[in-house]
Amino acid sequence: MTLDFKKILALGSAIIVVAVAAYFIMDTGGSGFADADNPAQVALGKQLYAESCASCHGASLEGQKNWRQPLAEGGLPAPPHDQSGHTWHHPDKLLFDYTQRGGQAIAPKGFKSVLPPYN
């Protein structure tokens, strides 16, 4: 089975958008789960991603250059959220927690994360 690049990119985009929307819904007393088939959640996720995530992760999910190379001050640049990154390897719960609490709150011992908590 071969996967089409555009389908992978669309699926990855939908997952990130819905994850951001789901976090917002959970944080405001909503249902606590994401629904990629819910146009309102997807629209909200797109808006929140554009406002809070795209400045580092890119409007097209491309991430920052050399995202695997440590920064001088420690940590790593923002990874891409498309198929070239690693986000899609992680369970949604981890991504929600990572986004909500910030990377350092759940980073492994000895790893510096520069991802701020979502407020």
C-alpha atoms as a PDB file:
ATOM      1  CA  MET A   1       0.000   0.000   0.000  1.00  0.00           C
ATOM      2  CA  THR A   2       1.447   3.370  -0.999  1.00  0.00           C
ATOM      3  CA  LEU A   3       0.396   6.590   0.633  1.00  0.00           C
ATOM      4  CA  ASP A   4      -0.152   9.718  -1.378  1.00  0.00           C
ATOM      5  CA  PHE A   5       1.887  12.710  -0.084  1.00  0.00           C
ATOM      6  CA  LYS A   6      -1.094  15.070  -0.340  1.00  0.00           C
ATOM      7  CA  LYS A   7      -3.294  12.667   1.640  1.00  0.00           C
ATOM      8  CA  ILE A   8      -0.644  12.333   4.351  1.00  0.00           C
ATOM      9  CA  LEU A   9      -0.238  16.114   4.521  1.00  0.00           C
ATOM     10  CA  ALA A  10      -4.010  16.624   4.678  1.00  0.00           C
ATOM     11  CA  LEU A  11      -4.387  14.016   7.419  1.00  0.00           C
ATOM     12  CA  GLY A  12      -1.484  15.460   9.401  1.00  0.00           C
ATOM     13  CA  SER A  13      -2.922  18.950   9.070  1.00  0.00           C
ATOM     14  CA  ALA A  14      -6.351  17.773  10.201  1.00  0.00           C
ATOM     15  CA  ILE A  15      -4.883  16.006  13.235  1.00  0.00           C
ATOM     16  CA  ILE A  16      -2.936  19.085  14.348  1.00  0.00           C
ATOM     17  CA  VAL A  17      -5.881  21.402  13.751  1.00  0.00           C
ATOM     18  CA  VAL A  18      -8.296  19.142  15.628  1.00  0.00           C
ATOM     19  CA  ALA A  19      -5.781  18.636  18.455  1.00  0.00           C
ATOM     20  CA  VAL A  20      -5.551  22.386  18.977  1.00  0.00           C
ATOM     21  CA  ALA A  21      -9.342  22.742  18.841  1.00  0.00           C
ATOM     22  CA  ALA A  22      -9.824  19.802  21.204  1.00  0.00           C
ATOM     23  CA  TYR A  23      -7.450  21.337  23.713  1.00  0.00           C
ATOM     24  CA  PHE A  24      -9.434  24.569  23.597  1.00  0.00           C
ATOM     25  CA  ILE A  25     -12.707  22.682  24.030  1.00  0.00           C
ATOM     26  CA  MET A  26     -11.353  20.668  26.983  1.00  0.00           C
ATOM     27  CA  ASP A  27      -9.956  23.800  28.565  1.00  0.00           C
ATOM     28  CA  THR A  28     -13.322  25.548  28.400  1.00  0.00           C
ATOM     29  CA  GLY A  29     -15.423  22.697  29.760  1.00  0.00           C
ATOM     30  CA  GLY A  30     -16.393  21.104  26.457  1.00  0.00           C
ATOM     31  CA  SER A  31     -16.791  17.457  25.656  1.00  0.00           C
ATOM     32  CA  GLY A  32     -13.086  16.619  25.987  1.00  0.00           C
ATOM     33  CA  PHE A  33     -12.622  14.833  22.669  1.00  0.00           C
ATOM     34  CA  ALA A  34     -11.672  15.859  19.166  1.00  0.00           C
ATOM     35  CA  ASP A  35     -13.860  15.191  16.149  1.00  0.00           C
ATOM     36  CA  ALA A  36     -12.133  15.635  12.787  1.00  0.00           C
ATOM     37  CA  ASP A  37     -15.567  15.438  11.127  1.00  0.00           C
ATOM     38  CA  ASN A  38     -16.867  18.434  13.075  1.00  0.00           C
ATOM     39  CA  PRO A  39     -16.436  21.513  10.826  1.00  0.00           C
ATOM     40  CA  ALA A  40     -16.706  23.898  13.793  1.00  0.00           C
ATOM     41  CA  GLN A  41     -13.858  22.177  15.660  1.00  0.00           C
ATOM     42  CA  VAL A  42     -11.697  22.068  12.545  1.00  0.00           C
ATOM     43  CA  ALA A  43     -12.348  25.765  11.833  1.00  0.00           C
ATOM     44  CA  LEU A  44     -11.523  26.685  15.435  1.00  0.00           C
ATOM     45  CA  GLY A  45      -8.377  24.561  15.306  1.00  0.00           C
ATOM     46  CA  LYS A  46      -7.238  26.283  12.118  1.00  0.00           C
ATOM     47  CA  GLN A  47      -7.764  29.685  13.713  1.00  0.00           C
ATOM     48  CA  LEU A  48      -5.936  28.751  16.927  1.00  0.00           C
ATOM     49  CA  TYR A  49      -3.079  27.153  14.986  1.00  0.00           C
ATOM     50  CA  ALA A  50      -2.693  30.269  12.847  1.00  0.00           C
ATOM     51  CA  GLU A  51      -2.705  32.517  15.940  1.00  0.00           C
ATOM     52  CA  SER A  52      -0.584  30.438  18.314  1.00  0.00           C
ATOM     53  CA  CYS A  53       1.436  27.804  16.454  1.00  0.00           C
ATOM     54  CA  ALA A  54       2.159  28.825  12.869  1.00  0.00           C
ATOM     55  CA  SER A  55       4.731  31.451  13.838  1.00  0.00           C
ATOM     56  CA  CYS A  56       7.100  28.613  14.798  1.00  0.00           C
ATOM     57  CA  HIS A  57       5.701  25.465  13.176  1.00  0.00           C
ATOM     58  CA  GLY A  58       4.834  27.206   9.895  1.00  0.00           C
ATOM     59  CA  ALA A  59       1.598  28.088   8.157  1.00  0.00           C
ATOM     60  CA  SER A  60       2.019  24.961   6.009  1.00  0.00           C
ATOM     61  CA  LEU A  61       3.247  22.777   8.924  1.00  0.00           C
ATOM     62  CA  GLU A  62       6.835  22.986   7.615  1.00  0.00           C
ATOM     63  CA  GLY A  63       8.545  23.698  10.958  1.00  0.00           C
ATOM     64  CA  GLN A  64      11.769  25.592  11.387  1.00  0.00           C
ATOM     65  CA  LYS A  65      15.002  24.981   9.489  1.00  0.00           C
ATOM     66  CA  ASN A  66      17.395  22.428  10.924  1.00  0.00           C
ATOM     67  CA  TRP A  67      14.764  21.302  13.427  1.00  0.00           C
ATOM     68  CA  ARG A  68      16.875  18.309  14.463  1.00  0.00           C
ATOM     69  CA  GLN A  69      19.900  20.460  15.361  1.00  0.00           C
ATOM     70  CA  PRO A  70      20.089  21.783  18.955  1.00  0.00           C
ATOM     71  CA  LEU A  71      19.843  25.526  19.459  1.00  0.00           C
ATOM     72  CA  ALA A  72      22.757  27.391  21.065  1.00  0.00           C
ATOM     73  CA  GLU A  73      20.627  28.006  24.179  1.00  0.00           C
ATOM     74  CA  GLY A  74      19.462  24.383  24.276  1.00  0.00           C
ATOM     75  CA  GLY A  75      16.329  22.731  23.001  1.00  0.00           C
ATOM     76  CA  LEU A  76      15.407  22.189  19.392  1.00  0.00           C
ATOM     77  CA  PRO A  77      13.739  24.356  16.747  1.00  0.00           C
ATOM     78  CA  ALA A  78      10.039  23.743  16.121  1.00  0.00           C
ATOM     79  CA  PRO A  79       9.564  20.503  14.192  1.00  0.00           C
ATOM     80  CA  PRO A  80       7.348  20.218  11.136  1.00  0.00           C
ATOM     81  CA  HIS A  81       3.883  18.782  11.606  1.00  0.00           C
ATOM     82  CA  ASP A  82       3.783  17.240   8.153  1.00  0.00           C
ATOM     83  CA  GLN A  83       4.979  13.740   7.235  1.00  0.00           C
ATOM     84  CA  SER A  84       8.641  14.810   7.449  1.00  0.00           C
ATOM     85  CA  GLY A  85       8.371  15.490  11.182  1.00  0.00           C
ATOM     86  CA  HIS A  86       7.660  13.219  14.094  1.00  0.00           C
ATOM     87  CA  THR A  87       4.439  14.618  15.553  1.00  0.00           C
ATOM     88  CA  TRP A  88       2.249  12.013  13.875  1.00  0.00           C
ATOM     89  CA  HIS A  89       4.160   9.270  15.719  1.00  0.00           C
ATOM     90  CA  HIS A  90       2.827  10.458  19.085  1.00  0.00           C
ATOM     91  CA  PRO A  91      -0.564   9.685  20.642  1.00  0.00           C
ATOM     92  CA  ASP A  92      -3.088  12.525  20.751  1.00  0.00           C
ATOM     93  CA  LYS A  93      -3.138  12.554  24.579  1.00  0.00           C
ATOM     94  CA  LEU A  94       0.606  13.246  24.691  1.00  0.00           C
ATOM     95  CA  LEU A  95       0.268  16.030  22.114  1.00  0.00           C
ATOM     96  CA  PHE A  96      -2.633  17.629  24.038  1.00  0.00           C
ATOM     97  CA  ASP A  97      -0.634  17.479  27.296  1.00  0.00           C
ATOM     98  CA  TYR A  98       2.538  18.761  25.636  1.00  0.00           C
ATOM     99  CA  THR A  99       0.644  21.681  24.103  1.00  0.00           C
ATOM    100  CA  GLN A 100      -1.294  22.566  27.237  1.00  0.00           C
ATOM    101  CA  ARG A 101       1.508  22.307  29.804  1.00  0.00           C
ATOM    102  CA  GLY A 102       4.441  23.237  27.601  1.00  0.00           C
ATOM    103  CA  GLY A 103       7.258  21.011  26.503  1.00  0.00           C
ATOM    104  CA  GLN A 104       9.465  21.328  29.555  1.00  0.00           C
ATOM    105  CA  ALA A 105       6.704  20.131  31.879  1.00  0.00           C
ATOM    106  CA  ILE A 106       6.739  16.672  30.318  1.00  0.00           C
ATOM    107  CA  ALA A 107      10.185  16.535  28.697  1.00  0.00           C
ATOM    108  CA  PRO A 108      12.405  13.577  29.574  1.00  0.00           C
ATOM    109  CA  LYS A 109      15.047  14.228  32.206  1.00  0.00           C
ATOM    110  CA  GLY A 110      17.974  16.125  30.717  1.00  0.00           C
ATOM    111  CA  PHE A 111      16.043  17.360  27.657  1.00  0.00           C
ATOM    112  CA  LYS A 112      15.297  21.051  27.248  1.00  0.00           C
ATOM    113  CA  SER A 113      12.100  21.974  25.441  1.00  0.00           C
ATOM    114  CA  VAL A 114      11.421  25.495  24.259  1.00  0.00           C
ATOM    115  CA  LEU A 115       7.697  24.917  23.576  1.00  0.00           C
ATOM    116  CA  PRO A 116       5.774  27.324  25.834  1.00  0.00           C
ATOM    117  CA  PRO A 117       2.474  26.260  27.407  1.00  0.00           C
ATOM    118  CA  TYR A 118      -0.648  27.220  25.494  1.00  0.00           C
ATOM    119  CA  ASN A 119      -2.512  29.966  27.364  1.00  0.00           C
END
